[in-house]
Amino acid sequence: MLANKTIEELSRRFKPEAAKDFNATFLFNIEGENGGSWLAKINDGKCEFEPENGQSTVEPDCKITVTAEDLELIMSGRMSAMTAALSGILSIEGELGLAMQLVPIFFDGQVPFI
């Protein structure tokens, strides 16, 4: 799956009710062919994704780095993010607790992010 399609899928899955009273900025680095970087700004029930081209002045609270292929496995539920993180496939920099809070915000019944 192309990285921009993955970001579109995350936007579609966003659950505003789960992000109420939650404020954080994430940098998703999707590596490999058709990869890229996106800032996700979650602010009190709203989420905005924007491509990150190195010009942003926003310092993310948490960075998540993964290959496009591995992210597709995680999003489809074929690999857990816990397994990916523990094996070094998925890298989290910054506040680990913030990454954990992505589960109810983007996923229903899955545990793709730690």
C-alpha atoms as a PDB file:
ATOM      1  CA  MET A   1       0.000   0.000   0.000  1.00  0.00           C
ATOM      2  CA  LEU A   2       1.308   3.457  -0.825  1.00  0.00           C
ATOM      3  CA  ALA A   3       2.145   5.557   2.226  1.00  0.00           C
ATOM      4  CA  ASN A   4      -0.273   8.325   1.226  1.00  0.00           C
ATOM      5  CA  LYS A   5      -3.062   5.709   0.977  1.00  0.00           C
ATOM      6  CA  THR A   6      -2.164   4.539   4.479  1.00  0.00           C
ATOM      7  CA  ILE A   7      -2.466   8.110   5.773  1.00  0.00           C
ATOM      8  CA  GLU A   8      -5.836   8.418   4.014  1.00  0.00           C
ATOM      9  CA  GLU A   9      -6.925   5.194   5.728  1.00  0.00           C
ATOM     10  CA  LEU A  10      -5.836   6.525   9.121  1.00  0.00           C
ATOM     11  CA  SER A  11      -7.846   9.699   8.462  1.00  0.00           C
ATOM     12  CA  ARG A  12     -10.874   7.606   7.618  1.00  0.00           C
ATOM     13  CA  ARG A  13     -10.496   5.509  10.787  1.00  0.00           C
ATOM     14  CA  PHE A  14     -10.095   8.519  13.098  1.00  0.00           C
ATOM     15  CA  LYS A  15     -12.581   8.437  15.973  1.00  0.00           C
ATOM     16  CA  PRO A  16     -13.217  11.990  17.238  1.00  0.00           C
ATOM     17  CA  GLU A  17     -14.953  10.749  20.392  1.00  0.00           C
ATOM     18  CA  ALA A  18     -11.827   8.792  21.393  1.00  0.00           C
ATOM     19  CA  ALA A  19      -9.650  11.881  20.903  1.00  0.00           C
ATOM     20  CA  LYS A  20     -11.781  14.271  22.941  1.00  0.00           C
ATOM     21  CA  ASP A  21      -9.611  16.142  25.454  1.00  0.00           C
ATOM     22  CA  PHE A  22      -6.483  14.689  23.813  1.00  0.00           C
ATOM     23  CA  ASN A  23      -3.780  16.904  22.319  1.00  0.00           C
ATOM     24  CA  ALA A  24      -0.587  15.620  20.726  1.00  0.00           C
ATOM     25  CA  THR A  25       1.448  15.836  17.551  1.00  0.00           C
ATOM     26  CA  PHE A  26       2.883  12.723  15.937  1.00  0.00           C
ATOM     27  CA  LEU A  27       5.397  12.365  13.144  1.00  0.00           C
ATOM     28  CA  PHE A  28       4.810   9.246  11.073  1.00  0.00           C
ATOM     29  CA  ASN A  29       7.920   8.299   9.093  1.00  0.00           C
ATOM     30  CA  ILE A  30       6.992   5.653   6.559  1.00  0.00           C
ATOM     31  CA  GLU A  31      10.158   4.313   4.992  1.00  0.00           C
ATOM     32  CA  GLY A  32      10.776   2.502   1.744  1.00  0.00           C
ATOM     33  CA  GLU A  33       9.412   2.816  -1.734  1.00  0.00           C
ATOM     34  CA  ASN A  34       6.445   5.186  -1.852  1.00  0.00           C
ATOM     35  CA  GLY A  35       7.163   6.276   1.736  1.00  0.00           C
ATOM     36  CA  GLY A  36       7.105   9.716   3.276  1.00  0.00           C
ATOM     37  CA  SER A  37       6.611  11.657   6.478  1.00  0.00           C
ATOM     38  CA  TRP A  38       3.402  13.139   7.834  1.00  0.00           C
ATOM     39  CA  LEU A  39       2.591  15.215  10.877  1.00  0.00           C
ATOM     40  CA  ALA A  40      -0.612  14.202  12.610  1.00  0.00           C
ATOM     41  CA  LYS A  41      -1.976  16.933  14.838  1.00  0.00           C
ATOM     42  CA  ILE A  42      -4.666  15.641  17.166  1.00  0.00           C
ATOM     43  CA  ASN A  43      -6.433  18.361  19.085  1.00  0.00           C
ATOM     44  CA  ASP A  44      -9.598  17.816  21.128  1.00  0.00           C
ATOM     45  CA  GLY A  45     -11.459  15.487  18.785  1.00  0.00           C
ATOM     46  CA  LYS A  46      -9.946  16.713  15.535  1.00  0.00           C
ATOM     47  CA  CYS A  47      -7.102  15.264  13.498  1.00  0.00           C
ATOM     48  CA  GLU A  48      -5.159  16.890  10.727  1.00  0.00           C
ATOM     49  CA  PHE A  49      -2.495  15.158   8.648  1.00  0.00           C
ATOM     50  CA  GLU A  50      -0.011  17.173   6.658  1.00  0.00           C
ATOM     51  CA  PRO A  51       3.025  16.076   4.667  1.00  0.00           C
ATOM     52  CA  GLU A  52       6.274  16.805   6.480  1.00  0.00           C
ATOM     53  CA  ASN A  53       8.930  18.029   4.107  1.00  0.00           C
ATOM     54  CA  GLY A  54      11.545  19.133   6.608  1.00  0.00           C
ATOM     55  CA  GLN A  55      10.234  22.709   6.663  1.00  0.00           C
ATOM     56  CA  SER A  56       7.888  22.333   9.635  1.00  0.00           C
ATOM     57  CA  THR A  57       8.609  24.224  12.819  1.00  0.00           C
ATOM     58  CA  VAL A  58       6.394  21.865  14.815  1.00  0.00           C
ATOM     59  CA  GLU A  59       8.262  19.544  17.166  1.00  0.00           C
ATOM     60  CA  PRO A  60       6.302  16.275  17.406  1.00  0.00           C
ATOM     61  CA  ASP A  61       5.564  14.784  20.812  1.00  0.00           C
ATOM     62  CA  CYS A  62       6.157  11.307  19.396  1.00  0.00           C
ATOM     63  CA  LYS A  63       7.836   9.911  16.269  1.00  0.00           C
ATOM     64  CA  ILE A  64       6.811   6.581  14.812  1.00  0.00           C
ATOM     65  CA  THR A  65       9.010   5.057  12.114  1.00  0.00           C
ATOM     66  CA  VAL A  66       8.134   1.939  10.154  1.00  0.00           C
ATOM     67  CA  THR A  67       8.475   0.631   6.604  1.00  0.00           C
ATOM     68  CA  ALA A  68       5.470   0.864   4.303  1.00  0.00           C
ATOM     69  CA  GLU A  69       5.308  -2.932   4.070  1.00  0.00           C
ATOM     70  CA  ASP A  70       5.376  -3.454   7.834  1.00  0.00           C
ATOM     71  CA  LEU A  71       2.821  -0.700   8.405  1.00  0.00           C
ATOM     72  CA  GLU A  72       0.466  -2.438   6.011  1.00  0.00           C
ATOM     73  CA  LEU A  73       0.852  -5.650   8.043  1.00  0.00           C
ATOM     74  CA  ILE A  74       0.148  -3.750  11.265  1.00  0.00           C
ATOM     75  CA  MET A  75      -2.880  -1.917   9.899  1.00  0.00           C
ATOM     76  CA  SER A  76      -4.376  -5.109   8.513  1.00  0.00           C
ATOM     77  CA  GLY A  77      -3.950  -6.810  11.882  1.00  0.00           C
ATOM     78  CA  ARG A  78      -1.520  -9.416  10.534  1.00  0.00           C
ATOM     79  CA  MET A  79       1.234  -8.129  12.862  1.00  0.00           C
ATOM     80  CA  SER A  80       0.824  -6.498  16.243  1.00  0.00           C
ATOM     81  CA  ALA A  81       2.596  -3.233  16.839  1.00  0.00           C
ATOM     82  CA  MET A  82       3.831  -4.588  20.163  1.00  0.00           C
ATOM     83  CA  THR A  83       5.656  -7.361  18.300  1.00  0.00           C
ATOM     84  CA  ALA A  84       6.895  -4.843  15.728  1.00  0.00           C
ATOM     85  CA  ALA A  85       8.153  -2.451  18.420  1.00  0.00           C
ATOM     86  CA  LEU A  86       9.824  -5.143  20.525  1.00  0.00           C
ATOM     87  CA  SER A  87      11.590  -6.589  17.491  1.00  0.00           C
ATOM     88  CA  GLY A  88      12.745  -3.180  16.253  1.00  0.00           C
ATOM     89  CA  ILE A  89      10.512  -3.221  13.171  1.00  0.00           C
ATOM     90  CA  LEU A  90       8.545  -0.227  14.468  1.00  0.00           C
ATOM     91  CA  SER A  91      10.476   2.542  16.194  1.00  0.00           C
ATOM     92  CA  ILE A  92       8.940   4.960  18.688  1.00  0.00           C
ATOM     93  CA  GLU A  93      10.769   8.078  19.840  1.00  0.00           C
ATOM     94  CA  GLY A  94       9.320  10.405  22.433  1.00  0.00           C
ATOM     95  CA  GLU A  95       6.482   9.661  24.786  1.00  0.00           C
ATOM     96  CA  LEU A  96       5.609   5.970  24.551  1.00  0.00           C
ATOM     97  CA  GLY A  97       2.319   6.602  26.360  1.00  0.00           C
ATOM     98  CA  LEU A  98       1.187   8.824  23.498  1.00  0.00           C
ATOM     99  CA  ALA A  99       1.774   6.040  20.978  1.00  0.00           C
ATOM    100  CA  MET A 100      -0.319   3.728  23.128  1.00  0.00           C
ATOM    101  CA  GLN A 101      -3.206   6.188  23.014  1.00  0.00           C
ATOM    102  CA  LEU A 102      -3.421   5.854  19.222  1.00  0.00           C
ATOM    103  CA  VAL A 103      -5.150   2.472  19.532  1.00  0.00           C
ATOM    104  CA  PRO A 104      -8.621   3.713  20.538  1.00  0.00           C
ATOM    105  CA  ILE A 105      -8.271   6.771  18.299  1.00  0.00           C
ATOM    106  CA  PHE A 106      -7.566   4.941  15.031  1.00  0.00           C
ATOM    107  CA  PHE A 107      -8.374   1.274  15.597  1.00  0.00           C
ATOM    108  CA  ASP A 108     -11.443  -0.555  16.762  1.00  0.00           C
ATOM    109  CA  GLY A 109     -10.831  -4.080  17.992  1.00  0.00           C
ATOM    110  CA  GLN A 110      -7.215  -4.123  16.838  1.00  0.00           C
ATOM    111  CA  VAL A 111      -3.987  -3.463  18.673  1.00  0.00           C
ATOM    112  CA  PRO A 112      -1.733  -2.211  15.870  1.00  0.00           C
ATOM    113  CA  PHE A 113       0.044   0.524  17.801  1.00  0.00           C
ATOM    114  CA  ILE A 114       1.464  -0.481  21.146  1.00  0.00           C
END
